[in-house]
PDB file of N, CA and C in Angstrom:
ATOM      1  N   MET A   1    -163.781 -55.059 -39.645  1.00  0.00           N
ATOM      2  CA  MET A   1    -163.145 -54.028 -40.452  1.00  0.00           C
ATOM      3  C   MET A   1    -163.013 -52.689 -39.883  1.00  0.00           C
ATOM      4  N   ALA A   2    -162.021 -52.260 -39.969  1.00  0.00           N
ATOM      5  CA  ALA A   2    -161.725 -50.974 -39.720  1.00  0.00           C
ATOM      6  C   ALA A   2    -161.708 -50.048 -41.240  1.00  0.00           C
ATOM      7  N   GLN A   3    -161.417 -48.449 -40.347  1.00  0.00           N
ATOM      8  CA  GLN A   3    -161.591 -47.775 -41.543  1.00  0.00           C
ATOM      9  C   GLN A   3    -160.059 -46.896 -41.991  1.00  0.00           C
ATOM     10  N   ILE A   4    -159.486 -46.300 -42.919  1.00  0.00           N
ATOM     11  CA  ILE A   4    -158.473 -46.108 -42.930  1.00  0.00           C
ATOM     12  C   ILE A   4    -158.729 -44.630 -42.951  1.00  0.00           C
ATOM     13  N   THR A   5    -157.390 -43.849 -42.017  1.00  0.00           N
ATOM     14  CA  THR A   5    -157.508 -42.195 -41.829  1.00  0.00           C
ATOM     15  C   THR A   5    -156.248 -41.770 -43.025  1.00  0.00           C
ATOM     16  N   TYR A   6    -157.028 -40.986 -43.691  1.00  0.00           N
ATOM     17  CA  TYR A   6    -155.986 -40.669 -44.774  1.00  0.00           C
ATOM     18  C   TYR A   6    -155.688 -39.315 -44.276  1.00  0.00           C
ATOM     19  N   PHE A   7    -154.261 -38.938 -44.117  1.00  0.00           N
ATOM     20  CA  PHE A   7    -154.177 -37.133 -43.769  1.00  0.00           C
ATOM     21  C   PHE A   7    -153.681 -36.841 -45.117  1.00  0.00           C
ATOM     22  N   PHE A   8    -153.950 -35.908 -45.730  1.00  0.00           N
ATOM     23  CA  PHE A   8    -153.482 -35.466 -46.927  1.00  0.00           C
ATOM     24  C   PHE A   8    -153.798 -33.561 -46.935  1.00  0.00           C
ATOM     25  N   LEU A   9    -153.217 -33.128 -47.600  1.00  0.00           N
ATOM     26  CA  LEU A   9    -153.447 -31.945 -47.968  1.00  0.00           C
ATOM     27  C   LEU A   9    -153.746 -31.567 -49.560  1.00  0.00           C
ATOM     28  N   SER A  10    -154.615 -30.697 -49.940  1.00  0.00           N
ATOM     29  CA  SER A  10    -155.322 -30.731 -51.262  1.00  0.00           C
ATOM     30  C   SER A  10    -154.752 -30.354 -52.076  1.00  0.00           C
ATOM     31  N   LYS A  11    -153.561 -29.100 -51.946  1.00  0.00           N
ATOM     32  CA  LYS A  11    -152.829 -28.961 -53.316  1.00  0.00           C
ATOM     33  C   LYS A  11    -151.429 -30.093 -53.417  1.00  0.00           C
ATOM     34  N   CYS A  12    -151.367 -31.061 -52.835  1.00  0.00           N
ATOM     35  CA  CYS A  12    -150.386 -32.397 -52.844  1.00  0.00           C
ATOM     36  C   CYS A  12    -150.179 -32.998 -54.322  1.00  0.00           C
ATOM     37  N   ILE A  13    -149.135 -33.021 -54.798  1.00  0.00           N
ATOM     38  CA  ILE A  13    -149.116 -34.007 -56.113  1.00  0.00           C
ATOM     39  C   ILE A  13    -149.554 -35.312 -55.660  1.00  0.00           C
ATOM     40  N   TYR A  14    -148.671 -35.741 -54.584  1.00  0.00           N
ATOM     41  CA  TYR A  14    -148.662 -37.200 -54.262  1.00  0.00           C
ATOM     42  C   TYR A  14    -150.136 -37.364 -53.304  1.00  0.00           C
ATOM     43  N   CYS A  15    -150.580 -36.684 -53.095  1.00  0.00           N
ATOM     44  CA  CYS A  15    -151.697 -36.926 -52.662  1.00  0.00           C
ATOM     45  C   CYS A  15    -153.249 -36.961 -53.612  1.00  0.00           C
ATOM     46  N   SER A  16    -153.013 -36.170 -55.071  1.00  0.00           N
ATOM     47  CA  SER A  16    -153.471 -36.267 -55.984  1.00  0.00           C
ATOM     48  C   SER A  16    -153.498 -38.008 -55.850  1.00  0.00           C
ATOM     49  N   LYS A  17    -151.870 -38.116 -56.688  1.00  0.00           N
ATOM     50  CA  LYS A  17    -151.441 -39.233 -57.046  1.00  0.00           C
ATOM     51  C   LYS A  17    -152.359 -40.687 -55.832  1.00  0.00           C
ATOM     52  N   ALA A  18    -152.419 -40.586 -54.702  1.00  0.00           N
ATOM     53  CA  ALA A  18    -152.820 -41.461 -53.206  1.00  0.00           C
ATOM     54  C   ALA A  18    -154.392 -41.460 -54.334  1.00  0.00           C
ATOM     55  N   ASP A  19    -155.227 -40.593 -54.274  1.00  0.00           N
ATOM     56  CA  ASP A  19    -156.652 -40.625 -54.406  1.00  0.00           C
ATOM     57  C   ASP A  19    -156.782 -41.732 -56.080  1.00  0.00           C
ATOM     58  N   ARG A  20    -156.028 -41.124 -56.962  1.00  0.00           N
ATOM     59  CA  ARG A  20    -156.286 -42.140 -57.891  1.00  0.00           C
ATOM     60  C   ARG A  20    -156.096 -43.414 -58.112  1.00  0.00           C
ATOM     61  N   ILE A  21    -154.370 -43.588 -56.868  1.00  0.00           N
ATOM     62  CA  ILE A  21    -154.268 -44.659 -56.830  1.00  0.00           C
ATOM     63  C   ILE A  21    -155.388 -46.004 -56.171  1.00  0.00           C
ATOM     64  N   ILE A  22    -156.180 -45.193 -55.311  1.00  0.00           N
ATOM     65  CA  ILE A  22    -157.102 -45.859 -54.087  1.00  0.00           C
ATOM     66  C   ILE A  22    -157.838 -46.154 -55.596  1.00  0.00           C
ATOM     67  N   ARG A  23    -158.502 -45.318 -56.358  1.00  0.00           N
ATOM     68  CA  ARG A  23    -159.470 -45.733 -57.299  1.00  0.00           C
ATOM     69  C   ARG A  23    -159.251 -46.565 -58.078  1.00  0.00           C
ATOM     70  N   LEU A  24    -157.929 -47.173 -58.015  1.00  0.00           N
ATOM     71  CA  LEU A  24    -157.524 -48.537 -58.860  1.00  0.00           C
ATOM     72  C   LEU A  24    -157.168 -49.579 -58.264  1.00  0.00           C
ATOM     73  N   VAL A  25    -157.189 -49.192 -57.088  1.00  0.00           N
ATOM     74  CA  VAL A  25    -156.972 -50.495 -56.070  1.00  0.00           C
ATOM     75  C   VAL A  25    -158.717 -51.007 -55.416  1.00  0.00           C
ATOM     76  N   LYS A  26    -159.197 -49.939 -55.713  1.00  0.00           N
ATOM     77  CA  LYS A  26    -160.475 -50.542 -55.166  1.00  0.00           C
ATOM     78  C   LYS A  26    -161.353 -51.071 -56.641  1.00  0.00           C
ATOM     79  N   GLU A  27    -160.571 -50.425 -58.221  1.00  0.00           N
ATOM     80  CA  GLU A  27    -161.079 -51.497 -59.020  1.00  0.00           C
ATOM     81  C   GLU A  27    -160.999 -52.410 -59.031  1.00  0.00           C
ATOM     82  N   LYS A  28    -159.737 -52.891 -58.744  1.00  0.00           N
ATOM     83  CA  LYS A  28    -158.745 -53.966 -59.136  1.00  0.00           C
ATOM     84  C   LYS A  28    -159.180 -55.313 -57.936  1.00  0.00           C
ATOM     85  N   HIS A  29    -159.345 -54.813 -56.651  1.00  0.00           N
ATOM     86  CA  HIS A  29    -160.268 -55.361 -55.806  1.00  0.00           C
ATOM     87  C   HIS A  29    -161.840 -54.923 -54.878  1.00  0.00           C
ATOM     88  N   PRO A  30    -162.771 -55.843 -55.492  1.00  0.00           N
ATOM     89  CA  PRO A  30    -164.086 -55.094 -55.134  1.00  0.00           C
ATOM     90  C   PRO A  30    -163.962 -55.945 -53.427  1.00  0.00           C
ATOM     91  N   GLU A  31    -163.613 -56.310 -53.019  1.00  0.00           N
ATOM     92  CA  GLU A  31    -163.593 -56.749 -51.496  1.00  0.00           C
ATOM     93  C   GLU A  31    -163.321 -55.711 -50.314  1.00  0.00           C
ATOM     94  N   PHE A  32    -162.503 -54.470 -51.126  1.00  0.00           N
ATOM     95  CA  PHE A  32    -162.081 -53.317 -50.763  1.00  0.00           C
ATOM     96  C   PHE A  32    -163.296 -52.178 -50.838  1.00  0.00           C
ATOM     97  N   LYS A  33    -163.796 -52.384 -51.568  1.00  0.00           N
ATOM     98  CA  LYS A  33    -165.023 -51.471 -51.551  1.00  0.00           C
ATOM     99  C   LYS A  33    -166.263 -50.972 -51.011  1.00  0.00           C
ATOM    100  N   GLU A  34    -165.906 -51.671 -49.743  1.00  0.00           N
ATOM    101  CA  GLU A  34    -166.894 -51.415 -48.304  1.00  0.00           C
ATOM    102  C   GLU A  34    -165.623 -50.852 -47.243  1.00  0.00           C
ATOM    103  N   VAL A  35    -164.399 -50.626 -47.622  1.00  0.00           N
ATOM    104  CA  VAL A  35    -163.319 -50.283 -46.564  1.00  0.00           C
ATOM    105  C   VAL A  35    -164.126 -48.653 -46.412  1.00  0.00           C
ATOM    106  N   LYS A  36    -164.245 -48.186 -45.235  1.00  0.00           N
ATOM    107  CA  LYS A  36    -164.416 -46.560 -45.562  1.00  0.00           C
ATOM    108  C   LYS A  36    -163.154 -45.990 -45.102  1.00  0.00           C
ATOM    109  N   ILE A  37    -162.624 -44.761 -46.158  1.00  0.00           N
ATOM    110  CA  ILE A  37    -161.648 -43.796 -45.444  1.00  0.00           C
ATOM    111  C   ILE A  37    -161.995 -42.463 -45.198  1.00  0.00           C
ATOM    112  N   LYS A  38    -161.593 -42.312 -44.081  1.00  0.00           N
ATOM    113  CA  LYS A  38    -161.430 -40.725 -43.603  1.00  0.00           C
ATOM    114  C   LYS A  38    -160.538 -39.801 -43.645  1.00  0.00           C
ATOM    115  N   LYS A  39    -160.651 -39.134 -44.529  1.00  0.00           N
ATOM    116  CA  LYS A  39    -159.856 -38.572 -45.459  1.00  0.00           C
ATOM    117  C   LYS A  39    -159.738 -36.654 -44.261  1.00  0.00           C
ATOM    118  N   ILE A  40    -158.821 -36.508 -43.954  1.00  0.00           N
ATOM    119  CA  ILE A  40    -158.902 -35.562 -43.117  1.00  0.00           C
ATOM    120  C   ILE A  40    -157.556 -34.160 -44.069  1.00  0.00           C
ATOM    121  N   GLU A  41    -157.634 -33.160 -44.137  1.00  0.00           N
ATOM    122  CA  GLU A  41    -157.106 -32.070 -44.662  1.00  0.00           C
ATOM    123  C   GLU A  41    -156.360 -31.476 -43.774  1.00  0.00           C
ATOM    124  N   GLU A  42    -155.186 -31.613 -43.358  1.00  0.00           N
ATOM    125  CA  GLU A  42    -154.370 -31.796 -42.391  1.00  0.00           C
ATOM    126  C   GLU A  42    -154.111 -30.298 -41.883  1.00  0.00           C
ATOM    127  N   SER A  43    -154.410 -29.113 -43.105  1.00  0.00           N
ATOM    128  CA  SER A  43    -154.179 -27.773 -42.860  1.00  0.00           C
ATOM    129  C   SER A  43    -155.431 -27.048 -42.207  1.00  0.00           C
ATOM    130  N   LEU A  44    -156.559 -27.786 -42.587  1.00  0.00           N
ATOM    131  CA  LEU A  44    -158.093 -27.126 -41.974  1.00  0.00           C
ATOM    132  C   LEU A  44    -158.003 -28.071 -40.897  1.00  0.00           C
ATOM    133  N   HIS A  45    -157.668 -28.722 -40.121  1.00  0.00           N
ATOM    134  CA  HIS A  45    -157.515 -30.234 -39.259  1.00  0.00           C
ATOM    135  C   HIS A  45    -156.669 -29.872 -38.626  1.00  0.00           C
ATOM    136  N   PRO A  46    -156.117 -29.409 -37.931  1.00  0.00           N
ATOM    137  CA  PRO A  46    -154.560 -29.285 -37.209  1.00  0.00           C
ATOM    138  C   PRO A  46    -154.461 -30.186 -35.918  1.00  0.00           C
ATOM    139  N   GLU A  47    -155.849 -29.771 -35.559  1.00  0.00           N
ATOM    140  CA  GLU A  47    -155.884 -30.188 -33.918  1.00  0.00           C
ATOM    141  C   GLU A  47    -156.560 -31.859 -34.035  1.00  0.00           C
ATOM    142  N   ILE A  48    -156.182 -32.671 -35.012  1.00  0.00           N
ATOM    143  CA  ILE A  48    -156.328 -33.612 -35.581  1.00  0.00           C
ATOM    144  C   ILE A  48    -155.307 -34.634 -35.915  1.00  0.00           C
ATOM    145  N   ALA A  49    -155.059 -34.001 -36.675  1.00  0.00           N
ATOM    146  CA  ALA A  49    -153.398 -34.560 -37.356  1.00  0.00           C
ATOM    147  C   ALA A  49    -152.374 -33.849 -36.203  1.00  0.00           C
ATOM    148  N   ASP A  50    -152.251 -33.339 -35.303  1.00  0.00           N
ATOM    149  CA  ASP A  50    -151.257 -33.179 -34.164  1.00  0.00           C
ATOM    150  C   ASP A  50    -151.475 -34.322 -33.393  1.00  0.00           C
ATOM    151  N   GLN A  51    -152.289 -35.319 -33.486  1.00  0.00           N
ATOM    152  CA  GLN A  51    -152.823 -35.668 -32.402  1.00  0.00           C
ATOM    153  C   GLN A  51    -151.675 -37.344 -33.058  1.00  0.00           C
ATOM    154  N   TYR A  52    -151.738 -37.649 -34.492  1.00  0.00           N
ATOM    155  CA  TYR A  52    -150.654 -38.780 -34.986  1.00  0.00           C
ATOM    156  C   TYR A  52    -149.549 -38.291 -35.285  1.00  0.00           C
ATOM    157  N   ASP A  53    -148.504 -38.985 -35.136  1.00  0.00           N
ATOM    158  CA  ASP A  53    -147.197 -39.419 -35.346  1.00  0.00           C
ATOM    159  C   ASP A  53    -146.164 -39.322 -37.021  1.00  0.00           C
ATOM    160  N   TYR A  54    -146.422 -38.035 -37.736  1.00  0.00           N
ATOM    161  CA  TYR A  54    -146.133 -38.461 -38.753  1.00  0.00           C
ATOM    162  C   TYR A  54    -145.699 -36.605 -39.728  1.00  0.00           C
ATOM    163  N   GLN A  55    -144.866 -37.089 -40.523  1.00  0.00           N
ATOM    164  CA  GLN A  55    -143.893 -35.940 -41.295  1.00  0.00           C
ATOM    165  C   GLN A  55    -144.606 -35.680 -42.725  1.00  0.00           C
ATOM    166  N   LEU A  56    -144.821 -36.439 -43.447  1.00  0.00           N
ATOM    167  CA  LEU A  56    -144.977 -36.538 -44.789  1.00  0.00           C
ATOM    168  C   LEU A  56    -146.838 -36.949 -45.349  1.00  0.00           C
ATOM    169  N   VAL A  57    -147.205 -36.111 -46.094  1.00  0.00           N
ATOM    170  CA  VAL A  57    -148.809 -36.240 -46.952  1.00  0.00           C
ATOM    171  C   VAL A  57    -148.231 -37.056 -48.014  1.00  0.00           C
ATOM    172  N   PRO A  58    -149.139 -37.881 -48.476  1.00  0.00           N
ATOM    173  CA  PRO A  58    -150.141 -38.698 -47.827  1.00  0.00           C
ATOM    174  C   PRO A  58    -149.794 -39.391 -47.263  1.00  0.00           C
ATOM    175  N   CYS A  59    -150.470 -39.963 -45.798  1.00  0.00           N
ATOM    176  CA  CYS A  59    -150.184 -40.838 -44.793  1.00  0.00           C
ATOM    177  C   CYS A  59    -151.409 -41.197 -44.232  1.00  0.00           C
ATOM    178  N   PHE A  60    -151.559 -42.286 -44.437  1.00  0.00           N
ATOM    179  CA  PHE A  60    -152.472 -43.869 -44.247  1.00  0.00           C
ATOM    180  C   PHE A  60    -152.057 -44.494 -42.862  1.00  0.00           C
ATOM    181  N   TYR A  61    -153.043 -44.335 -41.822  1.00  0.00           N
ATOM    182  CA  TYR A  61    -153.529 -45.368 -40.767  1.00  0.00           C
ATOM    183  C   TYR A  61    -154.443 -45.990 -40.449  1.00  0.00           C
ATOM    184  N   VAL A  62    -154.358 -47.067 -39.872  1.00  0.00           N
ATOM    185  CA  VAL A  62    -155.764 -48.005 -39.726  1.00  0.00           C
ATOM    186  C   VAL A  62    -155.298 -48.346 -38.433  1.00  0.00           C
ATOM    187  N   ASN A  63    -156.615 -47.901 -37.648  1.00  0.00           N
ATOM    188  CA  ASN A  63    -156.500 -47.980 -36.172  1.00  0.00           C
ATOM    189  C   ASN A  63    -155.494 -47.289 -35.475  1.00  0.00           C
ATOM    190  N   ASP A  64    -154.832 -47.290 -34.740  1.00  0.00           N
ATOM    191  CA  ASP A  64    -153.539 -46.350 -34.511  1.00  0.00           C
ATOM    192  C   ASP A  64    -152.122 -46.762 -35.370  1.00  0.00           C
ATOM    193  N   LYS A  65    -152.203 -47.445 -35.985  1.00  0.00           N
ATOM    194  CA  LYS A  65    -151.012 -47.728 -36.650  1.00  0.00           C
ATOM    195  C   LYS A  65    -150.606 -47.422 -37.832  1.00  0.00           C
ATOM    196  N   LYS A  66    -149.590 -46.739 -38.168  1.00  0.00           N
ATOM    197  CA  LYS A  66    -148.942 -46.282 -39.103  1.00  0.00           C
ATOM    198  C   LYS A  66    -148.734 -46.959 -40.501  1.00  0.00           C
ATOM    199  N   ILE A  67    -149.878 -46.811 -41.441  1.00  0.00           N
ATOM    200  CA  ILE A  67    -149.353 -47.970 -42.730  1.00  0.00           C
ATOM    201  C   ILE A  67    -148.010 -47.638 -43.425  1.00  0.00           C
ATOM    202  N   PHE A  68    -148.441 -46.361 -44.265  1.00  0.00           N
ATOM    203  CA  PHE A  68    -147.562 -45.538 -44.587  1.00  0.00           C
ATOM    204  C   PHE A  68    -147.719 -44.152 -44.876  1.00  0.00           C
ATOM    205  N   GLU A  69    -146.441 -43.115 -44.978  1.00  0.00           N
ATOM    206  CA  GLU A  69    -146.560 -41.835 -45.107  1.00  0.00           C
ATOM    207  C   GLU A  69    -145.949 -41.612 -46.402  1.00  0.00           C
ATOM    208  N   GLY A  70    -145.671 -40.974 -47.301  1.00  0.00           N
ATOM    209  CA  GLY A  70    -144.915 -40.038 -48.537  1.00  0.00           C
ATOM    210  C   GLY A  70    -145.754 -40.337 -49.693  1.00  0.00           C
ATOM    211  N   ALA A  71    -144.542 -40.705 -50.831  1.00  0.00           N
ATOM    212  CA  ALA A  71    -144.810 -40.812 -51.863  1.00  0.00           C
ATOM    213  C   ALA A  71    -145.685 -42.307 -51.956  1.00  0.00           C
ATOM    214  N   PRO A  72    -146.969 -42.226 -52.269  1.00  0.00           N
ATOM    215  CA  PRO A  72    -147.940 -43.243 -52.702  1.00  0.00           C
ATOM    216  C   PRO A  72    -147.428 -44.608 -53.765  1.00  0.00           C
ATOM    217  N   THR A  73    -147.670 -46.028 -53.607  1.00  0.00           N
ATOM    218  CA  THR A  73    -147.270 -47.057 -54.561  1.00  0.00           C
ATOM    219  C   THR A  73    -148.684 -47.577 -54.513  1.00  0.00           C
ATOM    220  N   GLU A  74    -149.128 -48.227 -55.575  1.00  0.00           N
ATOM    221  CA  GLU A  74    -150.499 -49.129 -55.176  1.00  0.00           C
ATOM    222  C   GLU A  74    -149.768 -50.233 -54.139  1.00  0.00           C
ATOM    223  N   GLU A  75    -148.991 -50.651 -54.188  1.00  0.00           N
ATOM    224  CA  GLU A  75    -148.418 -51.844 -53.508  1.00  0.00           C
ATOM    225  C   GLU A  75    -149.081 -51.065 -51.860  1.00  0.00           C
ATOM    226  N   LYS A  76    -148.658 -50.244 -51.400  1.00  0.00           N
ATOM    227  CA  LYS A  76    -148.655 -49.588 -50.316  1.00  0.00           C
ATOM    228  C   LYS A  76    -150.077 -49.097 -50.041  1.00  0.00           C
ATOM    229  N   VAL A  77    -151.003 -48.750 -51.119  1.00  0.00           N
ATOM    230  CA  VAL A  77    -152.341 -48.021 -51.007  1.00  0.00           C
ATOM    231  C   VAL A  77    -153.290 -49.850 -50.425  1.00  0.00           C
ATOM    232  N   TYR A  78    -152.812 -50.854 -51.180  1.00  0.00           N
ATOM    233  CA  TYR A  78    -153.279 -52.064 -51.211  1.00  0.00           C
ATOM    234  C   TYR A  78    -152.738 -52.430 -49.753  1.00  0.00           C
ATOM    235  N   GLU A  79    -151.767 -52.403 -49.370  1.00  0.00           N
ATOM    236  CA  GLU A  79    -151.487 -53.037 -47.987  1.00  0.00           C
ATOM    237  C   GLU A  79    -152.228 -52.427 -46.840  1.00  0.00           C
ATOM    238  N   ALA A  80    -152.923 -51.044 -47.100  1.00  0.00           N
ATOM    239  CA  ALA A  80    -153.591 -50.190 -45.888  1.00  0.00           C
ATOM    240  C   ALA A  80    -155.020 -50.742 -46.320  1.00  0.00           C
ATOM    241  N   PHE A  81    -155.318 -51.230 -47.736  1.00  0.00           N
ATOM    242  CA  PHE A  81    -156.568 -51.722 -47.590  1.00  0.00           C
ATOM    243  C   PHE A  81    -156.637 -52.925 -46.670  1.00  0.00           C
ATOM    244  N   ALA A  82    -155.538 -53.587 -46.991  1.00  0.00           N
ATOM    245  CA  ALA A  82    -155.480 -55.263 -46.787  1.00  0.00           C
ATOM    246  C   ALA A  82    -155.497 -55.005 -44.983  1.00  0.00           C
ATOM    247  N   GLU A  83    -154.795 -53.983 -44.557  1.00  0.00           N
ATOM    248  CA  GLU A  83    -154.528 -54.430 -43.338  1.00  0.00           C
ATOM    249  C   GLU A  83    -156.517 -53.432 -42.536  1.00  0.00           C
ATOM    250  N   ALA A  84    -156.813 -52.793 -43.028  1.00  0.00           N
ATOM    251  CA  ALA A  84    -158.357 -52.691 -42.496  1.00  0.00           C
ATOM    252  C   ALA A  84    -159.338 -53.617 -42.820  1.00  0.00           C
ATOM    253  N   LEU A  85    -159.193 -54.433 -43.750  1.00  0.00           N
ATOM    254  CA  LEU A  85    -160.268 -55.153 -43.814  1.00  0.00           C
ATOM    255  C   LEU A  85    -159.743 -56.623 -42.861  1.00  0.00           C
ATOM    256  N   LYS A  86    -158.599 -56.573 -42.446  1.00  0.00           N
ATOM    257  CA  LYS A  86    -158.644 -57.654 -41.118  1.00  0.00           C
ATOM    258  C   LYS A  86    -158.779 -57.071 -39.883  1.00  0.00           C
ATOM    259  N   ALA A  87    -158.522 -55.779 -39.647  1.00  0.00           N
ATOM    260  CA  ALA A  87    -158.816 -55.570 -38.498  1.00  0.00           C
ATOM    261  C   ALA A  87    -160.099 -55.167 -38.231  1.00  0.00           C
ATOM    262  N   GLU A  88    -160.239 -55.324 -36.628  1.00  0.00           N
ATOM    263  CA  GLU A  88    -161.376 -54.541 -36.175  1.00  0.00           C
ATOM    264  C   GLU A  88    -161.497 -53.514 -35.442  1.00  0.00           C
TER     265      GLU A  88
END
């Protein structure tokens, strides 16, 4: 199982929505409860954010693979968790 790397901004409304969707997806899919999420506030850690290729937040990576960026949906968040669960 791999972790999800989640880039966000603290005042981003889409990031707040992503946080709510993460909780919802974990409630609906107990198998995802063990998936770790490394949250990186990009304005506080630009040296980390600059190592990744994305334009919008929220942005989710599993290993080095970008799963999605921009406006989150339940389907996109589910996909990130599913990818993390199967990745090593």
